[in-house]
Amino acid sequence: MTILARQLTYLTAAPNKVVKILEKLGIELDTEVDFPPNCVDIYLPDYHVGVEVDGPNHSKIKDEERDYTLLNIYQLPIFHIPVEWIANPSYWVGDLIKVIESYKYSKDERWEFCKMRTPWL
């Protein structure tokens, strides 16, 4: 297997590991959800929050621009997990739980703002 193939396999596997962990926690989710012009790795509909797994191809500046767009167009906050943290959920699960708990009370209001823009959801 080439280095590129190994990297692609690893980067594809990382969001899947996050999905498995979130499913074990009983968190409903969808993967690869379109919020044009972007796509979110993992969408948590009960909280109207997105989760992104940040690999080496992520750029802080581009991610900030993307997050700004998602928040302003769709009222969708994004939680980022560095790919190197995936293997150790204790690095990120607690913070994710805090974030989704803090957003759950505004979910309905944020969803009302967004639902006309996302008829596929």
PDB file of N, CA and C in Angstrom:
ATOM      1  N   MET A   1       0.853  -1.173   0.000  1.00  0.00           N
ATOM      2  CA  MET A   1       0.000   0.000   0.000  1.00  0.00           C
ATOM      3  C   MET A   1       0.900   1.237   0.000  1.00  0.00           C
ATOM      4  N   THR A   2       0.557   2.204  -0.848  1.00  0.00           N
ATOM      5  CA  THR A   2       1.351   3.424  -0.937  1.00  0.00           C
ATOM      6  C   THR A   2       1.096   4.309   0.273  1.00  0.00           C
ATOM      7  N   ILE A   3       1.973   5.270   0.462  1.00  0.00           N
ATOM      8  CA  ILE A   3       1.812   6.218   1.567  1.00  0.00           C
ATOM      9  C   ILE A   3       0.503   6.980   1.418  1.00  0.00           C
ATOM     10  N   LEU A   4       0.184   7.420   0.202  1.00  0.00           N
ATOM     11  CA  LEU A   4      -1.059   8.154  -0.030  1.00  0.00           C
ATOM     12  C   LEU A   4      -2.275   7.284   0.291  1.00  0.00           C
ATOM     13  N   ALA A   5      -2.252   6.028  -0.137  1.00  0.00           N
ATOM     14  CA  ALA A   5      -3.370   5.120   0.146  1.00  0.00           C
ATOM     15  C   ALA A   5      -3.521   4.911   1.645  1.00  0.00           C
ATOM     16  N   ARG A   6      -2.409   4.783   2.364  1.00  0.00           N
ATOM     17  CA  ARG A   6      -2.468   4.625   3.817  1.00  0.00           C
ATOM     18  C   ARG A   6      -3.063   5.870   4.475  1.00  0.00           C
ATOM     19  N   GLN A   7      -2.645   7.049   3.998  1.00  0.00           N
ATOM     20  CA  GLN A   7      -3.172   8.299   4.555  1.00  0.00           C
ATOM     21  C   GLN A   7      -4.673   8.415   4.308  1.00  0.00           C
ATOM     22  N   LEU A   8      -5.114   8.096   3.088  1.00  0.00           N
ATOM     23  CA  LEU A   8      -6.534   8.189   2.770  1.00  0.00           C
ATOM     24  C   LEU A   8      -7.347   7.204   3.594  1.00  0.00           C
ATOM     25  N   THR A   9      -6.837   5.997   3.774  1.00  0.00           N
ATOM     26  CA  THR A   9      -7.526   4.998   4.589  1.00  0.00           C
ATOM     27  C   THR A   9      -7.645   5.480   6.019  1.00  0.00           C
ATOM     28  N   TYR A  10      -6.557   6.034   6.559  1.00  0.00           N
ATOM     29  CA  TYR A  10      -6.551   6.530   7.932  1.00  0.00           C
ATOM     30  C   TYR A  10      -7.532   7.685   8.092  1.00  0.00           C
ATOM     31  N   LEU A  11      -7.533   8.621   7.139  1.00  0.00           N
ATOM     32  CA  LEU A  11      -8.402   9.779   7.241  1.00  0.00           C
ATOM     33  C   LEU A  11      -9.869   9.405   7.068  1.00  0.00           C
ATOM     34  N   THR A  12     -10.148   8.402   6.276  1.00  0.00           N
ATOM     35  CA  THR A  12     -11.522   7.929   6.120  1.00  0.00           C
ATOM     36  C   THR A  12     -11.956   7.182   7.371  1.00  0.00           C
ATOM     37  N   ALA A  13     -11.059   6.445   7.977  1.00  0.00           N
ATOM     38  CA  ALA A  13     -11.383   5.662   9.169  1.00  0.00           C
ATOM     39  C   ALA A  13     -11.621   6.559  10.388  1.00  0.00           C
ATOM     40  N   ALA A  14     -10.973   7.695  10.455  1.00  0.00           N
ATOM     41  CA  ALA A  14     -11.086   8.564  11.633  1.00  0.00           C
ATOM     42  C   ALA A  14     -12.523   9.014  11.894  1.00  0.00           C
ATOM     43  N   PRO A  15     -13.234   9.576  10.898  1.00  0.00           N
ATOM     44  CA  PRO A  15     -14.633   9.941  11.181  1.00  0.00           C
ATOM     45  C   PRO A  15     -15.488   8.722  11.547  1.00  0.00           C
ATOM     46  N   ASN A  16     -15.184   7.571  10.967  1.00  0.00           N
ATOM     47  CA  ASN A  16     -15.937   6.357  11.310  1.00  0.00           C
ATOM     48  C   ASN A  16     -15.739   5.971  12.766  1.00  0.00           C
ATOM     49  N   LYS A  17     -14.536   6.182  13.291  1.00  0.00           N
ATOM     50  CA  LYS A  17     -14.285   5.899  14.710  1.00  0.00           C
ATOM     51  C   LYS A  17     -15.091   6.851  15.589  1.00  0.00           C
ATOM     52  N   VAL A  18     -15.159   8.101  15.185  1.00  0.00           N
ATOM     53  CA  VAL A  18     -15.949   9.081  15.938  1.00  0.00           C
ATOM     54  C   VAL A  18     -17.421   8.663  15.916  1.00  0.00           C
ATOM     55  N   VAL A  19     -17.908   8.253  14.758  1.00  0.00           N
ATOM     56  CA  VAL A  19     -19.294   7.806  14.630  1.00  0.00           C
ATOM     57  C   VAL A  19     -19.577   6.655  15.593  1.00  0.00           C
ATOM     58  N   LYS A  20     -18.692   5.676  15.637  1.00  0.00           N
ATOM     59  CA  LYS A  20     -18.897   4.527  16.528  1.00  0.00           C
ATOM     60  C   LYS A  20     -18.938   4.953  17.994  1.00  0.00           C
ATOM     61  N   ILE A  21     -18.074   5.866  18.372  1.00  0.00           N
ATOM     62  CA  ILE A  21     -18.044   6.344  19.758  1.00  0.00           C
ATOM     63  C   ILE A  21     -19.335   7.089  20.083  1.00  0.00           C
ATOM     64  N   LEU A  22     -19.773   7.953  19.177  1.00  0.00           N
ATOM     65  CA  LEU A  22     -20.995   8.721  19.416  1.00  0.00           C
ATOM     66  C   LEU A  22     -22.220   7.812  19.454  1.00  0.00           C
ATOM     67  N   GLU A  23     -22.234   6.806  18.594  1.00  0.00           N
ATOM     68  CA  GLU A  23     -23.356   5.857  18.614  1.00  0.00           C
ATOM     69  C   GLU A  23     -23.397   5.081  19.937  1.00  0.00           C
ATOM     70  N   LYS A  24     -22.229   4.703  20.470  1.00  0.00           N
ATOM     71  CA  LYS A  24     -22.187   4.025  21.768  1.00  0.00           C
ATOM     72  C   LYS A  24     -22.723   4.918  22.883  1.00  0.00           C
ATOM     73  N   LEU A  25     -22.554   6.230  22.711  1.00  0.00           N
ATOM     74  CA  LEU A  25     -23.064   7.186  23.698  1.00  0.00           C
ATOM     75  C   LEU A  25     -24.551   7.471  23.493  1.00  0.00           C
ATOM     76  N   GLY A  26     -25.136   6.887  22.450  1.00  0.00           N
ATOM     77  CA  GLY A  26     -26.553   7.079  22.178  1.00  0.00           C
ATOM     78  C   GLY A  26     -26.887   8.398  21.501  1.00  0.00           C
ATOM     79  N   ILE A  27     -25.907   8.994  20.839  1.00  0.00           N
ATOM     80  CA  ILE A  27     -26.119  10.274  20.168  1.00  0.00           C
ATOM     81  C   ILE A  27     -26.518  10.011  18.716  1.00  0.00           C
ATOM     82  N   GLU A  28     -27.698  10.504  18.347  1.00  0.00           N
ATOM     83  CA  GLU A  28     -28.173  10.351  16.969  1.00  0.00           C
ATOM     84  C   GLU A  28     -27.305  11.207  16.055  1.00  0.00           C
ATOM     85  N   LEU A  29     -26.996  10.683  14.876  1.00  0.00           N
ATOM     86  CA  LEU A  29     -26.131  11.427  13.963  1.00  0.00           C
ATOM     87  C   LEU A  29     -26.379  11.026  12.525  1.00  0.00           C
ATOM     88  N   ASP A  30     -25.924  11.875  11.632  1.00  0.00           N
ATOM     89  CA  ASP A  30     -25.867  11.614  10.198  1.00  0.00           C
ATOM     90  C   ASP A  30     -24.453  11.957   9.751  1.00  0.00           C
ATOM     91  N   THR A  31     -23.998  11.300   8.699  1.00  0.00           N
ATOM     92  CA  THR A  31     -22.649  11.562   8.199  1.00  0.00           C
ATOM     93  C   THR A  31     -22.694  12.213   6.821  1.00  0.00           C
ATOM     94  N   GLU A  32     -21.654  12.977   6.554  1.00  0.00           N
ATOM     95  CA  GLU A  32     -21.480  13.652   5.268  1.00  0.00           C
ATOM     96  C   GLU A  32     -22.753  14.386   4.852  1.00  0.00           C
ATOM     97  N   VAL A  33     -23.168  15.334   5.675  1.00  0.00           N
ATOM     98  CA  VAL A  33     -24.404  16.078   5.430  1.00  0.00           C
ATOM     99  C   VAL A  33     -24.075  17.398   4.730  1.00  0.00           C
ATOM    100  N   ASP A  34     -24.808  17.656   3.664  1.00  0.00           N
ATOM    101  CA  ASP A  34     -24.595  18.884   2.892  1.00  0.00           C
ATOM    102  C   ASP A  34     -25.248  20.077   3.557  1.00  0.00           C
ATOM    103  N   PHE A  35     -24.438  21.120   3.691  1.00  0.00           N
ATOM    104  CA  PHE A  35     -24.881  22.448   4.064  1.00  0.00           C
ATOM    105  C   PHE A  35     -24.180  23.358   3.069  1.00  0.00           C
ATOM    106  N   PRO A  36     -24.731  23.444   1.835  1.00  0.00           N
ATOM    107  CA  PRO A  36     -24.037  24.137   0.750  1.00  0.00           C
ATOM    108  C   PRO A  36     -23.560  25.532   1.127  1.00  0.00           C
ATOM    109  N   PRO A  37     -22.370  25.845   0.744  1.00  0.00           N
ATOM    110  CA  PRO A  37     -21.482  25.136  -0.177  1.00  0.00           C
ATOM    111  C   PRO A  37     -20.570  24.117   0.517  1.00  0.00           C
ATOM    112  N   ASN A  38     -20.900  23.705   1.716  1.00  0.00           N
ATOM    113  CA  ASN A  38     -20.039  22.807   2.493  1.00  0.00           C
ATOM    114  C   ASN A  38     -20.722  21.478   2.768  1.00  0.00           C
ATOM    115  N   CYS A  39     -19.933  20.567   3.282  1.00  0.00           N
ATOM    116  CA  CYS A  39     -20.415  19.271   3.736  1.00  0.00           C
ATOM    117  C   CYS A  39     -19.791  19.050   5.116  1.00  0.00           C
ATOM    118  N   VAL A  40     -20.606  18.611   6.062  1.00  0.00           N
ATOM    119  CA  VAL A  40     -20.143  18.402   7.431  1.00  0.00           C
ATOM    120  C   VAL A  40     -19.895  16.911   7.638  1.00  0.00           C
ATOM    121  N   ASP A  41     -18.753  16.564   8.252  1.00  0.00           N
ATOM    122  CA  ASP A  41     -18.417  15.155   8.493  1.00  0.00           C
ATOM    123  C   ASP A  41     -19.534  14.440   9.251  1.00  0.00           C
ATOM    124  N   ILE A  42     -19.954  15.032  10.369  1.00  0.00           N
ATOM    125  CA  ILE A  42     -20.972  14.422  11.231  1.00  0.00           C
ATOM    126  C   ILE A  42     -21.933  15.522  11.674  1.00  0.00           C
ATOM    127  N   TYR A  43     -23.223  15.227  11.533  1.00  0.00           N
ATOM    128  CA  TYR A  43     -24.251  16.183  11.942  1.00  0.00           C
ATOM    129  C   TYR A  43     -25.065  15.553  13.067  1.00  0.00           C
ATOM    130  N   LEU A  44     -25.252  16.302  14.152  1.00  0.00           N
ATOM    131  CA  LEU A  44     -26.012  15.848  15.312  1.00  0.00           C
ATOM    132  C   LEU A  44     -27.362  16.567  15.306  1.00  0.00           C
ATOM    133  N   PRO A  45     -28.388  15.959  14.696  1.00  0.00           N
ATOM    134  CA  PRO A  45     -29.667  16.665  14.524  1.00  0.00           C
ATOM    135  C   PRO A  45     -30.382  17.018  15.828  1.00  0.00           C
ATOM    136  N   ASP A  46     -30.193  16.238  16.877  1.00  0.00           N
ATOM    137  CA  ASP A  46     -30.852  16.562  18.149  1.00  0.00           C
ATOM    138  C   ASP A  46     -30.312  17.849  18.773  1.00  0.00           C
ATOM    139  N   TYR A  47     -29.164  18.292  18.292  1.00  0.00           N
ATOM    140  CA  TYR A  47     -28.527  19.493  18.846  1.00  0.00           C
ATOM    141  C   TYR A  47     -28.294  20.568  17.788  1.00  0.00           C
ATOM    142  N   HIS A  48     -28.481  20.199  16.517  1.00  0.00           N
ATOM    143  CA  HIS A  48     -28.154  21.064  15.378  1.00  0.00           C
ATOM    144  C   HIS A  48     -26.720  21.588  15.528  1.00  0.00           C
ATOM    145  N   VAL A  49     -25.809  20.614  15.629  1.00  0.00           N
ATOM    146  CA  VAL A  49     -24.370  20.869  15.769  1.00  0.00           C
ATOM    147  C   VAL A  49     -23.638  19.964  14.790  1.00  0.00           C
ATOM    148  N   GLY A  50     -22.566  20.473  14.194  1.00  0.00           N
ATOM    149  CA  GLY A  50     -21.728  19.675  13.311  1.00  0.00           C
ATOM    150  C   GLY A  50     -20.430  19.295  13.996  1.00  0.00           C
ATOM    151  N   VAL A  51     -19.872  18.177  13.560  1.00  0.00           N
ATOM    152  CA  VAL A  51     -18.576  17.712  14.071  1.00  0.00           C
ATOM    153  C   VAL A  51     -17.662  17.490  12.873  1.00  0.00           C
ATOM    154  N   GLU A  52     -16.479  18.037  12.946  1.00  0.00           N
ATOM    155  CA  GLU A  52     -15.482  17.879  11.900  1.00  0.00           C
ATOM    156  C   GLU A  52     -14.250  17.190  12.460  1.00  0.00           C
ATOM    157  N   VAL A  53     -13.746  16.224  11.717  1.00  0.00           N
ATOM    158  CA  VAL A  53     -12.483  15.581  12.062  1.00  0.00           C
ATOM    159  C   VAL A  53     -11.416  16.272  11.219  1.00  0.00           C
ATOM    160  N   ASP A  54     -10.484  16.925  11.882  1.00  0.00           N
ATOM    161  CA  ASP A  54      -9.474  17.732  11.204  1.00  0.00           C
ATOM    162  C   ASP A  54      -8.198  16.949  10.978  1.00  0.00           C
ATOM    163  N   GLY A  55      -7.968  16.602   9.733  1.00  0.00           N
ATOM    164  CA  GLY A  55      -6.742  15.916   9.349  1.00  0.00           C
ATOM    165  C   GLY A  55      -5.711  16.907   8.860  1.00  0.00           C
ATOM    166  N   PRO A  56      -4.627  16.397   8.295  1.00  0.00           N
ATOM    167  CA  PRO A  56      -3.543  17.266   7.848  1.00  0.00           C
ATOM    168  C   PRO A  56      -3.941  18.184   6.691  1.00  0.00           C
ATOM    169  N   ASN A  57      -5.027  17.863   5.993  1.00  0.00           N
ATOM    170  CA  ASN A  57      -5.455  18.705   4.879  1.00  0.00           C
ATOM    171  C   ASN A  57      -6.282  19.908   5.336  1.00  0.00           C
ATOM    172  N   HIS A  58      -6.578  19.994   6.621  1.00  0.00           N
ATOM    173  CA  HIS A  58      -7.353  21.121   7.132  1.00  0.00           C
ATOM    174  C   HIS A  58      -6.455  22.329   7.341  1.00  0.00           C
ATOM    175  N   SER A  59      -7.023  23.478   7.067  1.00  0.00           N
ATOM    176  CA  SER A  59      -6.329  24.749   7.241  1.00  0.00           C
ATOM    177  C   SER A  59      -7.109  25.562   8.265  1.00  0.00           C
ATOM    178  N   LYS A  60      -6.425  26.067   9.250  1.00  0.00           N
ATOM    179  CA  LYS A  60      -7.098  26.845  10.302  1.00  0.00           C
ATOM    180  C   LYS A  60      -7.871  28.020   9.707  1.00  0.00           C
ATOM    181  N   ILE A  61      -7.285  28.717   8.785  1.00  0.00           N
ATOM    182  CA  ILE A  61      -7.941  29.882   8.182  1.00  0.00           C
ATOM    183  C   ILE A  61      -9.175  29.448   7.392  1.00  0.00           C
ATOM    184  N   LYS A  62      -9.033  28.409   6.563  1.00  0.00           N
ATOM    185  CA  LYS A  62     -10.185  27.929   5.783  1.00  0.00           C
ATOM    186  C   LYS A  62     -11.276  27.364   6.698  1.00  0.00           C
ATOM    187  N   ASP A  63     -10.864  26.658   7.758  1.00  0.00           N
ATOM    188  CA  ASP A  63     -11.847  26.126   8.708  1.00  0.00           C
ATOM    189  C   ASP A  63     -12.608  27.256   9.398  1.00  0.00           C
ATOM    190  N   GLU A  64     -11.912  28.319   9.768  1.00  0.00           N
ATOM    191  CA  GLU A  64     -12.580  29.452  10.418  1.00  0.00           C
ATOM    192  C   GLU A  64     -13.571  30.116   9.467  1.00  0.00           C
ATOM    193  N   GLU A  65     -13.183  30.255   8.189  1.00  0.00           N
ATOM    194  CA  GLU A  65     -14.085  30.838   7.196  1.00  0.00           C
ATOM    195  C   GLU A  65     -15.306  29.939   7.001  1.00  0.00           C
ATOM    196  N   ARG A  66     -15.070  28.643   6.914  1.00  0.00           N
ATOM    197  CA  ARG A  66     -16.136  27.666   6.734  1.00  0.00           C
ATOM    198  C   ARG A  66     -17.077  27.671   7.947  1.00  0.00           C
ATOM    199  N   ASP A  67     -16.511  27.664   9.140  1.00  0.00           N
ATOM    200  CA  ASP A  67     -17.316  27.684  10.366  1.00  0.00           C
ATOM    201  C   ASP A  67     -18.168  28.956  10.436  1.00  0.00           C
ATOM    202  N   TYR A  68     -17.589  30.071  10.045  1.00  0.00           N
ATOM    203  CA  TYR A  68     -18.305  31.341  10.036  1.00  0.00           C
ATOM    204  C   TYR A  68     -19.493  31.265   9.079  1.00  0.00           C
ATOM    205  N   THR A  69     -19.267  30.723   7.885  1.00  0.00           N
ATOM    206  CA  THR A  69     -20.335  30.569   6.900  1.00  0.00           C
ATOM    207  C   THR A  69     -21.426  29.648   7.420  1.00  0.00           C
ATOM    208  N   LEU A  70     -21.051  28.497   7.985  1.00  0.00           N
ATOM    209  CA  LEU A  70     -22.044  27.552   8.500  1.00  0.00           C
ATOM    210  C   LEU A  70     -22.859  28.151   9.644  1.00  0.00           C
ATOM    211  N   LEU A  71     -22.213  28.925  10.475  1.00  0.00           N
ATOM    212  CA  LEU A  71     -22.929  29.536  11.597  1.00  0.00           C
ATOM    213  C   LEU A  71     -23.878  30.631  11.110  1.00  0.00           C
ATOM    214  N   ASN A  72     -23.435  31.429  10.152  1.00  0.00           N
ATOM    215  CA  ASN A  72     -24.260  32.536   9.683  1.00  0.00           C
ATOM    216  C   ASN A  72     -25.384  32.106   8.750  1.00  0.00           C
ATOM    217  N   ILE A  73     -25.138  31.147   7.891  1.00  0.00           N
ATOM    218  CA  ILE A  73     -26.176  30.713   6.955  1.00  0.00           C
ATOM    219  C   ILE A  73     -27.125  29.710   7.594  1.00  0.00           C
ATOM    220  N   TYR A  74     -26.578  28.788   8.401  1.00  0.00           N
ATOM    221  CA  TYR A  74     -27.372  27.677   8.925  1.00  0.00           C
ATOM    222  C   TYR A  74     -27.500  27.660  10.453  1.00  0.00           C
ATOM    223  N   GLN A  75     -26.897  28.643  11.120  1.00  0.00           N
ATOM    224  CA  GLN A  75     -26.896  28.644  12.586  1.00  0.00           C
ATOM    225  C   GLN A  75     -26.345  27.322  13.121  1.00  0.00           C
ATOM    226  N   LEU A  76     -25.309  26.803  12.441  1.00  0.00           N
ATOM    227  CA  LEU A  76     -24.735  25.500  12.750  1.00  0.00           C
ATOM    228  C   LEU A  76     -23.337  25.658  13.342  1.00  0.00           C
ATOM    229  N   PRO A  77     -23.200  25.515  14.656  1.00  0.00           N
ATOM    230  CA  PRO A  77     -21.860  25.534  15.257  1.00  0.00           C
ATOM    231  C   PRO A  77     -21.137  24.232  14.919  1.00  0.00           C
ATOM    232  N   ILE A  78     -19.820  24.324  14.833  1.00  0.00           N
ATOM    233  CA  ILE A  78     -18.992  23.170  14.478  1.00  0.00           C
ATOM    234  C   ILE A  78     -18.013  22.875  15.609  1.00  0.00           C
ATOM    235  N   PHE A  79     -17.951  21.592  15.982  1.00  0.00           N
ATOM    236  CA  PHE A  79     -16.985  21.112  16.971  1.00  0.00           C
ATOM    237  C   PHE A  79     -15.890  20.383  16.196  1.00  0.00           C
ATOM    238  N   HIS A  80     -14.639  20.775  16.425  1.00  0.00           N
ATOM    239  CA  HIS A  80     -13.500  20.183  15.707  1.00  0.00           C
ATOM    240  C   HIS A  80     -12.762  19.176  16.582  1.00  0.00           C
ATOM    241  N   ILE A  81     -12.402  18.046  15.959  1.00  0.00           N
ATOM    242  CA  ILE A  81     -11.595  17.031  16.635  1.00  0.00           C
ATOM    243  C   ILE A  81     -10.346  16.796  15.788  1.00  0.00           C
ATOM    244  N   PRO A  82      -9.164  17.081  16.317  1.00  0.00           N
ATOM    245  CA  PRO A  82      -7.946  16.769  15.567  1.00  0.00           C
ATOM    246  C   PRO A  82      -7.838  15.257  15.338  1.00  0.00           C
ATOM    247  N   VAL A  83      -7.477  14.869  14.138  1.00  0.00           N
ATOM    248  CA  VAL A  83      -7.435  13.444  13.792  1.00  0.00           C
ATOM    249  C   VAL A  83      -6.540  12.648  14.737  1.00  0.00           C
ATOM    250  N   GLU A  84      -5.495  13.274  15.248  1.00  0.00           N
ATOM    251  CA  GLU A  84      -4.584  12.547  16.141  1.00  0.00           C
ATOM    252  C   GLU A  84      -5.201  12.285  17.516  1.00  0.00           C
ATOM    253  N   TRP A  85      -6.323  12.911  17.826  1.00  0.00           N
ATOM    254  CA  TRP A  85      -7.010  12.687  19.098  1.00  0.00           C
ATOM    255  C   TRP A  85      -8.052  11.565  19.040  1.00  0.00           C
ATOM    256  N   ILE A  86      -8.402  11.132  17.858  1.00  0.00           N
ATOM    257  CA  ILE A  86      -9.495  10.170  17.687  1.00  0.00           C
ATOM    258  C   ILE A  86      -9.269   8.903  18.503  1.00  0.00           C
ATOM    259  N   ALA A  87      -8.060   8.418  18.533  1.00  0.00           N
ATOM    260  CA  ALA A  87      -7.764   7.162  19.236  1.00  0.00           C
ATOM    261  C   ALA A  87      -7.921   7.287  20.750  1.00  0.00           C
ATOM    262  N   ASN A  88      -7.946   8.500  21.269  1.00  0.00           N
ATOM    263  CA  ASN A  88      -8.076   8.706  22.706  1.00  0.00           C
ATOM    264  C   ASN A  88      -9.286   9.602  22.999  1.00  0.00           C
ATOM    265  N   PRO A  89     -10.480   9.002  23.076  1.00  0.00           N
ATOM    266  CA  PRO A  89     -11.697   9.793  23.274  1.00  0.00           C
ATOM    267  C   PRO A  89     -11.684  10.676  24.522  1.00  0.00           C
ATOM    268  N   SER A  90     -10.870  10.334  25.511  1.00  0.00           N
ATOM    269  CA  SER A  90     -10.830  11.176  26.709  1.00  0.00           C
ATOM    270  C   SER A  90     -10.319  12.582  26.388  1.00  0.00           C
ATOM    271  N   TYR A  91      -9.648  12.748  25.244  1.00  0.00           N
ATOM    272  CA  TYR A  91      -9.166  14.062  24.834  1.00  0.00           C
ATOM    273  C   TYR A  91     -10.304  14.970  24.352  1.00  0.00           C
ATOM    274  N   TRP A  92     -11.399  14.381  23.853  1.00  0.00           N
ATOM    275  CA  TRP A  92     -12.404  15.208  23.196  1.00  0.00           C
ATOM    276  C   TRP A  92     -13.863  14.931  23.569  1.00  0.00           C
ATOM    277  N   VAL A  93     -14.201  13.755  24.037  1.00  0.00           N
ATOM    278  CA  VAL A  93     -15.610  13.436  24.288  1.00  0.00           C
ATOM    279  C   VAL A  93     -16.226  14.360  25.334  1.00  0.00           C
ATOM    280  N   GLY A  94     -15.535  14.602  26.427  1.00  0.00           N
ATOM    281  CA  GLY A  94     -16.073  15.486  27.471  1.00  0.00           C
ATOM    282  C   GLY A  94     -16.356  16.874  26.946  1.00  0.00           C
ATOM    283  N   ASP A  95     -15.449  17.413  26.138  1.00  0.00           N
ATOM    284  CA  ASP A  95     -15.665  18.742  25.566  1.00  0.00           C
ATOM    285  C   ASP A  95     -16.837  18.743  24.590  1.00  0.00           C
ATOM    286  N   LEU A  96     -16.952  17.690  23.800  1.00  0.00           N
ATOM    287  CA  LEU A  96     -18.084  17.610  22.876  1.00  0.00           C
ATOM    288  C   LEU A  96     -19.401  17.573  23.640  1.00  0.00           C
ATOM    289  N   ILE A  97     -19.453  16.790  24.704  1.00  0.00           N
ATOM    290  CA  ILE A  97     -20.679  16.713  25.513  1.00  0.00           C
ATOM    291  C   ILE A  97     -21.025  18.098  26.066  1.00  0.00           C
ATOM    292  N   LYS A  98     -20.037  18.824  26.557  1.00  0.00           N
ATOM    293  CA  LYS A  98     -20.288  20.180  27.072  1.00  0.00           C
ATOM    294  C   LYS A  98     -20.838  21.093  25.972  1.00  0.00           C
ATOM    295  N   VAL A  99     -20.258  20.991  24.787  1.00  0.00           N
ATOM    296  CA  VAL A  99     -20.695  21.841  23.674  1.00  0.00           C
ATOM    297  C   VAL A  99     -22.127  21.514  23.274  1.00  0.00           C
ATOM    298  N   ILE A 100     -22.427  20.235  23.083  1.00  0.00           N
ATOM    299  CA  ILE A 100     -23.786  19.914  22.637  1.00  0.00           C
ATOM    300  C   ILE A 100     -24.820  20.216  23.724  1.00  0.00           C
ATOM    301  N   GLU A 101     -24.436  20.030  24.969  1.00  0.00           N
ATOM    302  CA  GLU A 101     -25.355  20.390  26.059  1.00  0.00           C
ATOM    303  C   GLU A 101     -25.616  21.899  26.075  1.00  0.00           C
ATOM    304  N   SER A 102     -24.592  22.687  25.785  1.00  0.00           N
ATOM    305  CA  SER A 102     -24.775  24.138  25.793  1.00  0.00           C
ATOM    306  C   SER A 102     -25.621  24.618  24.617  1.00  0.00           C
ATOM    307  N   TYR A 103     -25.643  23.857  23.518  1.00  0.00           N
ATOM    308  CA  TYR A 103     -26.417  24.256  22.348  1.00  0.00           C
ATOM    309  C   TYR A 103     -27.804  23.626  22.291  1.00  0.00           C
ATOM    310  N   LYS A 104     -28.090  22.638  23.120  1.00  0.00           N
ATOM    311  CA  LYS A 104     -29.368  21.938  22.981  1.00  0.00           C
ATOM    312  C   LYS A 104     -30.563  22.849  23.257  1.00  0.00           C
ATOM    313  N   TYR A 105     -30.404  23.847  24.100  1.00  0.00           N
ATOM    314  CA  TYR A 105     -31.529  24.716  24.439  1.00  0.00           C
ATOM    315  C   TYR A 105     -31.861  25.709  23.323  1.00  0.00           C
ATOM    316  N   SER A 106     -30.913  25.986  22.454  1.00  0.00           N
ATOM    317  CA  SER A 106     -31.182  26.907  21.350  1.00  0.00           C
ATOM    318  C   SER A 106     -31.408  26.163  20.035  1.00  0.00           C
ATOM    319  N   LYS A 107     -31.436  24.846  20.094  1.00  0.00           N
ATOM    320  CA  LYS A 107     -31.563  24.034  18.876  1.00  0.00           C
ATOM    321  C   LYS A 107     -32.801  24.393  18.070  1.00  0.00           C
ATOM    322  N   ASP A 108     -33.959  24.459  18.697  1.00  0.00           N
ATOM    323  CA  ASP A 108     -35.195  24.712  17.965  1.00  0.00           C
ATOM    324  C   ASP A 108     -35.172  26.069  17.264  1.00  0.00           C
ATOM    325  N   GLU A 109     -34.700  27.065  17.948  1.00  0.00           N
ATOM    326  CA  GLU A 109     -34.616  28.401  17.358  1.00  0.00           C
ATOM    327  C   GLU A 109     -33.636  28.416  16.184  1.00  0.00           C
ATOM    328  N   ARG A 110     -32.484  27.795  16.365  1.00  0.00           N
ATOM    329  CA  ARG A 110     -31.482  27.749  15.286  1.00  0.00           C
ATOM    330  C   ARG A 110     -31.999  26.929  14.117  1.00  0.00           C
ATOM    331  N   TRP A 111     -32.729  25.831  14.404  1.00  0.00           N
ATOM    332  CA  TRP A 111     -33.273  24.983  13.347  1.00  0.00           C
ATOM    333  C   TRP A 111     -34.334  25.739  12.552  1.00  0.00           C
ATOM    334  N   GLU A 112     -35.191  26.511  13.226  1.00  0.00           N
ATOM    335  CA  GLU A 112     -36.207  27.312  12.533  1.00  0.00           C
ATOM    336  C   GLU A 112     -35.545  28.247  11.530  1.00  0.00           C
ATOM    337  N   PHE A 113     -34.445  28.841  11.926  1.00  0.00           N
ATOM    338  CA  PHE A 113     -33.704  29.759  11.061  1.00  0.00           C
ATOM    339  C   PHE A 113     -33.169  29.033   9.841  1.00  0.00           C
ATOM    340  N   CYS A 114     -32.830  27.761   9.986  1.00  0.00           N
ATOM    341  CA  CYS A 114     -32.110  26.993   8.976  1.00  0.00           C
ATOM    342  C   CYS A 114     -32.992  26.103   8.116  1.00  0.00           C
ATOM    343  N   LYS A 115     -34.122  25.656   8.597  1.00  0.00           N
ATOM    344  CA  LYS A 115     -34.833  24.563   7.926  1.00  0.00           C
ATOM    345  C   LYS A 115     -35.290  24.865   6.514  1.00  0.00           C
ATOM    346  N   MET A 116     -35.607  26.103   6.194  1.00  0.00           N
ATOM    347  CA  MET A 116     -35.985  26.445   4.820  1.00  0.00           C
ATOM    348  C   MET A 116     -34.790  26.343   3.879  1.00  0.00           C
ATOM    349  N   ARG A 117     -33.597  26.451   4.415  1.00  0.00           N
ATOM    350  CA  ARG A 117     -32.381  26.368   3.597  1.00  0.00           C
ATOM    351  C   ARG A 117     -31.899  24.938   3.414  1.00  0.00           C
ATOM    352  N   THR A 118     -32.498  24.012   4.164  1.00  0.00           N
ATOM    353  CA  THR A 118     -32.056  22.614   4.138  1.00  0.00           C
ATOM    354  C   THR A 118     -33.254  21.664   4.009  1.00  0.00           C
ATOM    355  N   PRO A 119     -34.014  21.739   2.913  1.00  0.00           N
ATOM    356  CA  PRO A 119     -35.211  20.893   2.799  1.00  0.00           C
ATOM    357  C   PRO A 119     -34.904  19.399   2.752  1.00  0.00           C
ATOM    358  N   TRP A 120     -33.654  19.012   2.501  1.00  0.00           N
ATOM    359  CA  TRP A 120     -33.269  17.595   2.441  1.00  0.00           C
ATOM    360  C   TRP A 120     -33.082  16.984   3.819  1.00  0.00           C
ATOM    361  N   LEU A 121     -33.064  17.815   4.855  1.00  0.00           N
ATOM    362  CA  LEU A 121     -32.870  17.281   6.215  1.00  0.00           C
ATOM    363  C   LEU A 121     -34.195  16.942   6.866  1.00  0.00           C
TER     364      LEU A 121
END
